[in-house]
């Protein structure tokens, strides 16, 4: 039966590609990739002539049936992302779910991942960790994201862009994140840089003009009290009812693990 191969590609250093991945990319009938231009740079470097076809967020739904049809003809397919292991904050989950449903063979080849690379140089205990994807840009999603960090007793890994990094650190600080943080820039590349410290100290180390891929590892929270996801909704309702902020803090202290003073500090400027 034909097979879909999930093939990790280097996150920076081309020497990190495995012989198994190279053999697979050379032997399959077609390679699906996020960006055919970037993929061609990779295949040209290793003299691989396998045809390239695009598979990205914008065309993912329509491409699933195309890939399935290719497999149904007895052809083998490789799936790659722009860098690292496919499906990790990249398209592919919908495809894999459909192919599992249709009983197609799927082989995942181990390889480069910025998530694991960053974790292993973080210095945190790694018996368990959580991966949170990209830091949301704004709104409730971003607030819920930070709450996961504040409540976590294990390391957390996430991505952001260099343009948003300082804004994200400002937001983390505003929300009271006091964990140790490791920021990894351009992992495996010539200018790989690792920054370590608290939010406040890191803000003084990082340039406004920072460039490159960013992976963040946030250490376990030092906060012993679990933060309730519904606090902000409750606060909004009570403020709309003209309840004084000090009274709001006293009331919510009974139904959360936060103290009156902590709650008041959180809402006093609203």
Protein backbone atom coordinates (compact mmCIF):
# COMPACT_ATOMS: atom_id res chain seq x y z
CA UNK A 1 0.00 0.00 0.00
CA UNK A 2 1.23 3.52 -0.74
CA UNK A 3 2.56 5.57 2.17
CA UNK A 4 2.65 9.16 3.39
CA UNK A 5 6.00 10.02 4.97
CA UNK A 6 6.24 12.87 7.49
CA UNK A 7 9.76 14.21 6.95
CA UNK A 8 11.46 16.70 9.30
CA UNK A 9 13.84 19.17 7.66
CA UNK A 10 16.62 21.25 9.27
CA UNK A 11 15.61 24.26 11.36
CA UNK A 12 18.75 26.06 10.25
CA UNK A 13 21.80 23.88 9.81
CA UNK A 14 21.51 21.72 6.68
CA UNK A 15 23.89 19.18 8.20
CA UNK A 16 21.09 18.16 10.58
CA UNK A 17 19.09 16.40 7.87
CA UNK A 18 19.19 12.61 8.20
CA UNK A 19 20.19 10.12 5.55
CA UNK A 20 16.81 8.47 5.98
CA UNK A 21 14.97 11.70 5.18
CA UNK A 22 17.16 12.30 2.12
CA UNK A 23 16.54 8.77 0.85
CA UNK A 24 12.80 9.18 1.42
CA UNK A 25 12.58 12.54 -0.36
CA UNK A 26 14.47 11.06 -3.29
CA UNK A 27 12.38 7.89 -3.53
CA UNK A 28 8.80 9.21 -3.14
CA UNK A 29 6.74 10.27 -6.14
CA UNK A 30 5.89 13.77 -4.89
CA UNK A 31 6.80 16.10 -2.02
CA UNK A 32 4.15 18.37 -0.51
CA UNK A 33 5.57 21.46 1.19
CA UNK A 34 4.53 24.82 2.65
CA UNK A 35 6.56 26.91 0.22
CA UNK A 36 7.82 25.36 -3.02
CA UNK A 37 10.57 27.99 -3.33
CA UNK A 38 12.04 27.23 0.07
CA UNK A 39 11.64 23.50 -0.49
CA UNK A 40 13.44 23.79 -3.83
CA UNK A 41 16.42 25.38 -2.11
CA UNK A 42 16.59 22.30 0.09
CA UNK A 43 16.10 19.71 -2.64
CA UNK A 44 18.51 21.47 -5.01
CA UNK A 45 21.16 21.48 -2.31
CA UNK A 46 20.95 17.69 -2.07
CA UNK A 47 20.35 17.11 -5.81
CA UNK A 48 16.84 15.74 -5.27
CA UNK A 49 14.60 16.04 -8.34
CA UNK A 50 11.30 14.82 -6.87
CA UNK A 51 8.36 17.06 -7.94
CA UNK A 52 7.19 19.65 -5.39
CA UNK A 53 3.61 20.67 -4.70
CA UNK A 54 2.29 23.25 -2.24
CA UNK A 55 0.43 22.38 0.96
CA UNK A 56 -0.19 25.29 3.32
CA UNK A 57 -2.88 26.70 5.59
CA UNK A 58 -4.67 28.50 2.74
CA UNK A 59 -5.12 25.42 0.54
CA UNK A 60 -5.03 22.66 3.14
CA UNK A 61 -8.66 21.59 2.79
CA UNK A 62 -8.57 21.25 -1.00
CA UNK A 63 -5.18 19.53 -1.00
CA UNK A 64 -6.27 16.72 1.33
CA UNK A 65 -8.39 15.10 -1.40
CA UNK A 66 -5.59 15.63 -3.93
CA UNK A 67 -3.06 13.86 -1.73
CA UNK A 68 -5.51 11.06 -1.01
CA UNK A 69 -6.09 10.60 -4.74
CA UNK A 70 -2.32 10.45 -5.31
CA UNK A 71 -1.97 7.76 -2.65
CA UNK A 72 -4.91 5.82 -4.08
CA UNK A 73 -2.96 5.46 -7.34
CA UNK A 74 -0.18 3.61 -5.51
CA UNK A 75 2.17 6.60 -5.32
CA UNK A 76 4.18 7.51 -2.23
CA UNK A 77 4.08 11.05 -0.80
CA UNK A 78 6.37 13.02 1.52
CA UNK A 79 5.16 15.92 3.65
CA UNK A 80 7.62 18.60 4.79
CA UNK A 81 7.28 22.02 6.42
CA UNK A 82 9.45 25.08 5.90
CA UNK A 83 11.66 23.92 8.77
CA UNK A 84 11.55 21.31 11.50
CA UNK A 85 8.96 18.59 12.04
CA UNK A 86 5.68 18.97 10.10
CA UNK A 87 2.37 19.46 11.96
CA UNK A 88 4.00 21.25 14.96
CA UNK A 89 2.22 24.62 14.64
CA UNK A 90 2.14 23.86 10.91
CA UNK A 91 -0.54 22.43 8.61
CA UNK A 92 -1.01 18.68 8.39
CA UNK A 93 -3.33 17.55 11.18
CA UNK A 94 -6.41 17.56 8.94
CA UNK A 95 -4.56 15.46 6.37
CA UNK A 96 -3.32 12.91 8.89
CA UNK A 97 -6.77 12.55 10.44
CA UNK A 98 -8.31 11.87 7.04
CA UNK A 99 -5.64 9.37 6.02
CA UNK A 100 -6.02 7.51 9.32
CA UNK A 101 -9.76 7.34 8.68
CA UNK A 102 -9.11 5.87 5.22
CA UNK A 103 -6.51 3.40 6.60
CA UNK A 104 -3.55 4.70 4.62
CA UNK A 105 -0.04 3.94 5.87
CA UNK A 106 1.67 6.86 7.61
CA UNK A 107 5.34 6.87 8.60
CA UNK A 108 6.81 9.67 10.73
CA UNK A 109 10.59 10.01 10.54
CA UNK A 110 12.28 11.52 13.63
CA UNK A 111 14.29 14.67 13.12
CA UNK A 112 14.90 18.35 13.91
CA UNK A 113 12.49 20.28 16.13
CA UNK A 114 13.02 23.72 17.63
CA UNK A 115 10.70 22.71 20.48
CA UNK A 116 12.94 19.87 21.67
CA UNK A 117 16.16 21.74 20.90
CA UNK A 118 15.07 24.71 23.02
CA UNK A 119 13.87 22.50 25.86
CA UNK A 120 17.12 20.58 26.10
CA UNK A 121 19.21 23.74 26.49
CA UNK A 122 16.74 25.46 28.84
CA UNK A 123 18.10 23.93 32.04
CA UNK A 124 14.59 23.15 33.33
CA UNK A 125 13.44 19.75 34.58
CA UNK A 126 11.97 17.98 31.54
CA UNK A 127 10.02 15.04 32.93
CA UNK A 128 6.99 16.84 31.54
CA UNK A 129 6.29 20.02 29.56
CA UNK A 130 3.54 21.74 27.61
CA UNK A 131 3.71 23.13 24.08
CA UNK A 132 1.46 26.14 23.48
CA UNK A 133 2.21 27.09 19.87
CA UNK A 134 2.39 30.75 18.88
CA UNK A 135 1.68 33.46 21.44
CA UNK A 136 -1.71 34.93 20.42
CA UNK A 137 -1.58 38.53 19.24
CA UNK A 138 -4.33 39.97 21.44
CA UNK A 139 -7.67 39.59 23.14
CA UNK A 140 -9.08 36.79 25.25
CA UNK A 141 -6.89 34.18 23.55
CA UNK A 142 -3.75 35.98 24.71
CA UNK A 143 -5.09 36.36 28.21
CA UNK A 144 -5.95 32.66 28.42
CA UNK A 145 -2.49 31.84 27.05
CA UNK A 146 -0.78 33.75 29.88
CA UNK A 147 -3.04 32.12 32.46
CA UNK A 148 -1.75 28.74 31.27
CA UNK A 149 1.78 29.98 31.95
CA UNK A 150 0.84 31.37 35.35
CA UNK A 151 -0.82 28.09 36.38
CA UNK A 152 1.80 25.72 34.97
CA UNK A 153 4.06 23.67 37.22
CA UNK A 154 6.04 22.43 34.22
CA UNK A 155 8.08 24.18 31.51
CA UNK A 156 6.12 25.67 28.61
CA UNK A 157 7.36 26.11 25.05
CA UNK A 158 5.97 28.65 22.60
CA UNK A 159 6.82 30.60 19.46
CA UNK A 160 6.67 34.28 18.64
CA UNK A 161 8.03 36.61 15.98
CA UNK A 162 11.01 38.91 16.60
CA UNK A 163 8.75 41.90 15.95
CA UNK A 164 6.35 40.85 18.71
CA UNK A 165 8.83 39.53 21.28
CA UNK A 166 9.21 42.71 23.35
CA UNK A 167 5.45 43.34 23.26
CA UNK A 168 4.87 39.80 24.49
CA UNK A 169 7.38 40.27 27.31
CA UNK A 170 5.66 43.53 28.30
CA UNK A 171 2.34 41.69 28.43
CA UNK A 172 3.81 38.82 30.47
CA UNK A 173 5.19 41.34 32.95
CA UNK A 174 1.89 43.20 33.17
CA UNK A 175 0.10 39.93 33.97
CA UNK A 176 2.55 39.11 36.75
CA UNK A 177 4.58 36.30 35.16
CA UNK A 178 7.64 35.82 37.38
CA UNK A 179 9.02 32.57 35.95
CA UNK A 180 12.53 32.13 34.62
CA UNK A 181 12.50 32.40 30.82
CA UNK A 182 14.86 31.16 28.11
CA UNK A 183 14.63 32.84 24.71
CA UNK A 184 16.29 30.99 21.83
CA UNK A 185 17.02 32.82 18.60
CA UNK A 186 18.15 31.24 15.33
CA UNK A 187 18.66 27.76 16.80
CA UNK A 188 21.33 25.68 15.00
CA UNK A 189 22.28 28.63 12.78
CA UNK A 190 25.49 30.67 12.69
CA UNK A 191 24.13 33.44 14.93
CA UNK A 192 22.32 31.20 17.43
CA UNK A 193 21.75 33.19 20.64
CA UNK A 194 20.25 32.15 23.97
CA UNK A 195 18.96 34.71 26.50
CA UNK A 196 18.13 33.68 30.09
CA UNK A 197 16.46 35.57 32.90
CA UNK A 198 13.20 37.01 34.20
CA UNK A 199 10.87 39.07 32.05
CA UNK A 200 12.27 42.33 33.38
CA UNK A 201 15.93 41.43 32.90
CA UNK A 202 15.33 40.01 29.42
CA UNK A 203 13.66 43.21 28.23
CA UNK A 204 16.94 45.02 28.88
CA UNK A 205 18.98 42.46 26.93
CA UNK A 206 16.92 42.30 23.75
CA UNK A 207 17.17 44.77 20.89
CA UNK A 208 14.17 46.35 19.20
CA UNK A 209 15.70 45.26 15.88
CA UNK A 210 16.05 41.58 16.76
CA UNK A 211 15.76 39.21 13.81
CA UNK A 212 15.42 35.48 13.27
CA UNK A 213 13.24 32.59 14.45
CA UNK A 214 12.25 32.80 18.13
CA UNK A 215 11.45 29.91 20.47
CA UNK A 216 10.61 30.66 24.12
CA UNK A 217 10.80 28.28 27.07
CA UNK A 218 9.00 29.52 30.18
CA UNK A 219 9.93 27.83 33.45
CA UNK A 220 7.40 26.52 35.97
CA UNK A 221 5.35 29.21 37.65
CA UNK A 222 6.41 30.34 41.11
CA UNK A 223 2.81 31.23 41.87
CA UNK A 224 1.27 28.77 44.35
CA UNK A 225 -2.27 29.96 43.70
CA UNK A 226 -4.29 28.86 40.72
CA UNK A 227 -5.70 31.75 38.68
CA UNK A 228 -9.33 31.41 37.68
CA UNK A 229 -10.15 31.83 33.99
CA UNK A 230 -13.50 33.44 34.87
CA UNK A 231 -12.18 36.27 37.05
CA UNK A 232 -12.15 38.83 34.25
CA UNK A 233 -15.74 38.05 33.26
CA UNK A 234 -16.84 38.37 36.88
CA UNK A 235 -14.97 41.65 37.29
CA UNK A 236 -16.59 43.11 34.17
CA UNK A 237 -20.07 42.19 35.36
CA UNK A 238 -19.49 43.70 38.80
CA UNK A 239 -17.94 46.88 37.38
CA UNK A 240 -20.94 47.28 35.09
CA UNK A 241 -23.11 47.09 38.23
CA UNK A 242 -21.03 49.96 39.76
CA UNK A 243 -19.69 47.76 42.56
CA UNK A 244 -16.60 49.43 44.17
CA UNK A 245 -13.32 47.78 43.20
CA UNK A 246 -12.28 47.09 46.80
CA UNK A 247 -15.61 45.29 47.35
CA UNK A 248 -15.12 43.32 44.13
CA UNK A 249 -11.71 42.19 45.38
CA UNK A 250 -13.16 41.13 48.74
CA UNK A 251 -15.98 39.19 47.08
CA UNK A 252 -13.80 37.36 44.57
CA UNK A 253 -11.27 36.42 47.25
CA UNK A 254 -13.92 34.06 48.68
CA UNK A 255 -14.30 32.12 45.41
CA UNK A 256 -10.70 32.11 44.12
CA UNK A 257 -7.30 31.27 45.53
CA UNK A 258 -6.15 34.89 45.21
CA UNK A 259 -5.96 37.31 48.14
CA UNK A 260 -7.91 40.56 48.37
CA UNK A 261 -4.77 42.60 47.75
CA UNK A 262 -3.74 40.52 44.73
CA UNK A 263 -7.18 40.90 43.20
CA UNK A 264 -7.30 44.61 43.92
CA UNK A 265 -3.91 45.15 42.28
CA UNK A 266 -5.19 43.29 39.23
CA UNK A 267 -8.34 45.39 38.80
CA UNK A 268 -7.54 48.79 40.36
CA UNK A 269 -6.64 50.43 37.02
CA UNK A 270 -9.62 49.08 35.06
